[in-house]
Amino acid sequence: MVDCIKGLQYLHLMGIIHRDIKPSNIFVTEDNHCKIGDFGVAVKLEDPKNDILESTEGTYHFMPPECWNFENR
């Protein structure tokens, strides 16, 4: 878990938002370290001071409720 948190912290410091964190996108190495993978829907923020995303991507079941788009039901 610590590896995942450090990885996400680094990505966010670089202005990158993964948008699809879920168990199948976390890989465990032979020496038991976790790596974050599948950056297919990741975005790099143009302005790191503005962290509001205009669109929602990712896997619905792992998405926080505040990211759900109820307009497209």
N, C-alpha and C. Protein backbone atom coordinates (compact mmCIF):
# COMPACT_ATOMS: atom_id res chain seq x y z
N MET A 1 0.81 -1.19 0.00
CA MET A 1 0.00 0.00 0.00
C MET A 1 0.86 1.26 0.00
N VAL A 2 1.95 1.22 0.76
CA VAL A 2 2.83 2.39 0.83
C VAL A 2 3.42 2.70 -0.55
N ASP A 3 3.79 1.66 -1.31
CA ASP A 3 4.32 1.89 -2.66
C ASP A 3 3.29 2.60 -3.54
N CYS A 4 2.04 2.21 -3.44
CA CYS A 4 0.98 2.84 -4.24
C CYS A 4 0.79 4.30 -3.85
N ILE A 5 0.78 4.57 -2.57
CA ILE A 5 0.60 5.95 -2.10
C ILE A 5 1.77 6.82 -2.54
N LYS A 6 3.00 6.30 -2.42
CA LYS A 6 4.17 7.08 -2.86
C LYS A 6 4.13 7.31 -4.37
N GLY A 7 3.68 6.29 -5.12
CA GLY A 7 3.57 6.44 -6.57
C GLY A 7 2.54 7.49 -6.95
N LEU A 8 1.39 7.47 -6.30
CA LEU A 8 0.35 8.47 -6.59
C LEU A 8 0.80 9.87 -6.17
N GLN A 9 1.49 9.95 -5.07
CA GLN A 9 2.01 11.24 -4.62
C GLN A 9 2.97 11.82 -5.66
N TYR A 10 3.86 10.98 -6.17
CA TYR A 10 4.81 11.43 -7.19
C TYR A 10 4.07 11.89 -8.45
N LEU A 11 3.11 11.09 -8.90
CA LEU A 11 2.35 11.45 -10.10
C LEU A 11 1.65 12.79 -9.91
N HIS A 12 1.02 12.98 -8.76
CA HIS A 12 0.30 14.22 -8.52
C HIS A 12 1.25 15.41 -8.43
N LEU A 13 2.44 15.21 -7.87
CA LEU A 13 3.43 16.29 -7.85
C LEU A 13 3.86 16.68 -9.27
N MET A 14 3.83 15.71 -10.19
CA MET A 14 4.18 15.96 -11.58
C MET A 14 2.98 16.47 -12.39
N GLY A 15 1.82 16.60 -11.73
CA GLY A 15 0.62 17.10 -12.41
C GLY A 15 -0.09 16.03 -13.21
N ILE A 16 0.15 14.76 -12.91
CA ILE A 16 -0.49 13.66 -13.64
C ILE A 16 -1.56 13.04 -12.77
N ILE A 17 -2.76 12.89 -13.35
CA ILE A 17 -3.88 12.26 -12.66
C ILE A 17 -4.17 10.94 -13.37
N HIS A 18 -4.09 9.82 -12.66
CA HIS A 18 -4.23 8.49 -13.25
C HIS A 18 -5.66 8.22 -13.71
N ARG A 19 -6.65 8.47 -12.91
CA ARG A 19 -8.08 8.35 -13.17
C ARG A 19 -8.61 6.93 -13.30
N ASP A 20 -7.81 5.92 -13.05
CA ASP A 20 -8.34 4.55 -13.13
C ASP A 20 -7.59 3.62 -12.17
N ILE A 21 -7.44 4.07 -10.92
CA ILE A 21 -6.78 3.23 -9.92
C ILE A 21 -7.75 2.12 -9.51
N LYS A 22 -7.34 0.90 -9.67
CA LYS A 22 -8.12 -0.28 -9.28
C LYS A 22 -7.15 -1.44 -9.12
N PRO A 23 -7.58 -2.52 -8.49
CA PRO A 23 -6.66 -3.64 -8.24
C PRO A 23 -5.96 -4.17 -9.49
N SER A 24 -6.65 -4.25 -10.61
CA SER A 24 -6.02 -4.82 -11.81
C SER A 24 -4.98 -3.89 -12.44
N ASN A 25 -4.88 -2.65 -11.96
CA ASN A 25 -3.87 -1.72 -12.46
C ASN A 25 -2.70 -1.55 -11.49
N ILE A 26 -2.66 -2.38 -10.47
CA ILE A 26 -1.55 -2.40 -9.52
C ILE A 26 -0.79 -3.71 -9.74
N PHE A 27 0.48 -3.61 -10.02
CA PHE A 27 1.29 -4.79 -10.32
C PHE A 27 2.31 -5.00 -9.21
N VAL A 28 2.52 -6.27 -8.84
CA VAL A 28 3.46 -6.62 -7.78
C VAL A 28 4.70 -7.25 -8.41
N THR A 29 5.86 -6.71 -8.08
CA THR A 29 7.12 -7.21 -8.63
C THR A 29 7.56 -8.46 -7.87
N GLU A 30 8.59 -9.11 -8.38
CA GLU A 30 9.11 -10.31 -7.73
C GLU A 30 9.62 -10.03 -6.32
N ASP A 31 10.09 -8.80 -6.08
CA ASP A 31 10.58 -8.45 -4.74
C ASP A 31 9.50 -7.76 -3.90
N ASN A 32 8.23 -8.00 -4.25
CA ASN A 32 7.05 -7.56 -3.51
C ASN A 32 6.89 -6.04 -3.40
N HIS A 33 7.25 -5.33 -4.45
CA HIS A 33 6.95 -3.90 -4.53
C HIS A 33 5.79 -3.71 -5.49
N CYS A 34 4.99 -2.71 -5.24
CA CYS A 34 3.84 -2.43 -6.10
C CYS A 34 4.18 -1.33 -7.10
N LYS A 35 3.67 -1.50 -8.31
CA LYS A 35 3.85 -0.53 -9.38
C LYS A 35 2.48 -0.19 -9.94
N ILE A 36 2.27 1.07 -10.29
CA ILE A 36 1.02 1.51 -10.89
C ILE A 36 1.15 1.40 -12.40
N GLY A 37 0.15 0.80 -13.04
CA GLY A 37 0.19 0.63 -14.48
C GLY A 37 -1.08 1.12 -15.15
N ASP A 38 -1.16 0.96 -16.46
CA ASP A 38 -2.30 1.32 -17.31
C ASP A 38 -2.64 2.80 -17.19
N PHE A 39 -1.89 3.60 -17.91
CA PHE A 39 -2.10 5.04 -17.92
C PHE A 39 -2.94 5.48 -19.12
N GLY A 40 -3.79 4.59 -19.60
CA GLY A 40 -4.58 4.86 -20.80
C GLY A 40 -5.53 6.05 -20.70
N VAL A 41 -6.05 6.32 -19.52
CA VAL A 41 -6.97 7.46 -19.36
C VAL A 41 -6.37 8.55 -18.47
N ALA A 42 -5.08 8.47 -18.19
CA ALA A 42 -4.41 9.46 -17.36
C ALA A 42 -4.34 10.79 -18.11
N VAL A 43 -4.29 11.87 -17.35
CA VAL A 43 -4.16 13.21 -17.94
C VAL A 43 -3.08 13.98 -17.20
N LYS A 44 -2.44 14.88 -17.93
CA LYS A 44 -1.48 15.81 -17.31
C LYS A 44 -2.18 17.15 -17.23
N LEU A 45 -2.23 17.69 -16.02
CA LEU A 45 -2.88 18.97 -15.83
C LEU A 45 -2.09 20.07 -16.52
N GLU A 46 -2.78 20.91 -17.28
CA GLU A 46 -2.11 22.03 -17.94
C GLU A 46 -1.70 23.09 -16.92
N ASP A 47 -2.54 23.30 -15.93
CA ASP A 47 -2.24 24.26 -14.86
C ASP A 47 -2.29 23.50 -13.54
N PRO A 48 -1.13 23.16 -12.96
CA PRO A 48 -1.12 22.37 -11.72
C PRO A 48 -1.88 23.02 -10.56
N LYS A 49 -2.12 24.33 -10.63
CA LYS A 49 -2.87 24.99 -9.56
C LYS A 49 -4.38 24.80 -9.72
N ASN A 50 -4.81 24.37 -10.89
CA ASN A 50 -6.23 24.10 -11.15
C ASN A 50 -6.39 22.60 -11.32
N ASP A 51 -6.91 21.93 -10.29
CA ASP A 51 -7.03 20.47 -10.34
C ASP A 51 -8.45 20.00 -10.66
N ILE A 52 -9.26 20.86 -11.26
CA ILE A 52 -10.62 20.48 -11.62
C ILE A 52 -10.61 19.86 -13.01
N LEU A 53 -11.11 18.62 -13.11
CA LEU A 53 -11.19 17.93 -14.39
C LEU A 53 -12.58 18.14 -14.98
N GLU A 54 -12.64 18.33 -16.27
CA GLU A 54 -13.92 18.58 -16.94
C GLU A 54 -14.62 17.30 -17.38
N SER A 55 -13.88 16.19 -17.46
CA SER A 55 -14.49 14.93 -17.90
C SER A 55 -14.15 13.82 -16.92
N THR A 56 -14.97 12.78 -16.96
CA THR A 56 -14.79 11.63 -16.07
C THR A 56 -14.42 10.41 -16.91
N GLU A 57 -13.39 9.72 -16.49
CA GLU A 57 -12.95 8.49 -17.14
C GLU A 57 -12.68 7.47 -16.05
N GLY A 58 -12.45 6.24 -16.45
CA GLY A 58 -12.09 5.22 -15.48
C GLY A 58 -13.14 4.15 -15.36
N THR A 59 -12.97 3.30 -14.39
CA THR A 59 -13.87 2.18 -14.15
C THR A 59 -14.91 2.58 -13.12
N TYR A 60 -16.16 2.54 -13.51
CA TYR A 60 -17.28 3.01 -12.69
C TYR A 60 -17.26 2.46 -11.27
N HIS A 61 -17.01 1.17 -11.09
CA HIS A 61 -17.09 0.54 -9.78
C HIS A 61 -15.99 1.00 -8.82
N PHE A 62 -14.92 1.58 -9.33
CA PHE A 62 -13.82 2.04 -8.48
C PHE A 62 -13.74 3.56 -8.41
N MET A 63 -14.72 4.22 -8.95
CA MET A 63 -14.73 5.67 -9.03
C MET A 63 -15.40 6.26 -7.78
N PRO A 64 -14.84 7.34 -7.21
CA PRO A 64 -15.51 7.97 -6.07
C PRO A 64 -16.82 8.61 -6.53
N PRO A 65 -17.83 8.64 -5.67
CA PRO A 65 -19.14 9.18 -6.07
C PRO A 65 -19.09 10.60 -6.61
N GLU A 66 -18.16 11.42 -6.11
CA GLU A 66 -18.10 12.80 -6.58
C GLU A 66 -17.67 12.91 -8.04
N CYS A 67 -17.18 11.82 -8.62
CA CYS A 67 -16.78 11.82 -10.03
C CYS A 67 -17.84 11.23 -10.95
N TRP A 68 -18.91 10.69 -10.40
CA TRP A 68 -19.95 10.11 -11.23
C TRP A 68 -20.63 11.18 -12.05
N ASN A 69 -20.93 10.86 -13.28
CA ASN A 69 -21.61 11.79 -14.17
C ASN A 69 -23.06 11.32 -14.29
N PHE A 70 -23.96 11.95 -13.55
CA PHE A 70 -25.36 11.54 -13.54
C PHE A 70 -26.11 12.04 -14.76
N GLU A 71 -25.53 12.95 -15.52
CA GLU A 71 -26.21 13.48 -16.70
C GLU A 71 -26.31 12.46 -17.82
N ASN A 72 -25.39 11.50 -17.88
CA ASN A 72 -25.35 10.53 -18.98
C ASN A 72 -25.86 9.16 -18.55
N ARG A 73 -26.88 9.09 -17.74
CA ARG A 73 -27.42 7.79 -17.28
C ARG A 73 -28.07 7.04 -18.40
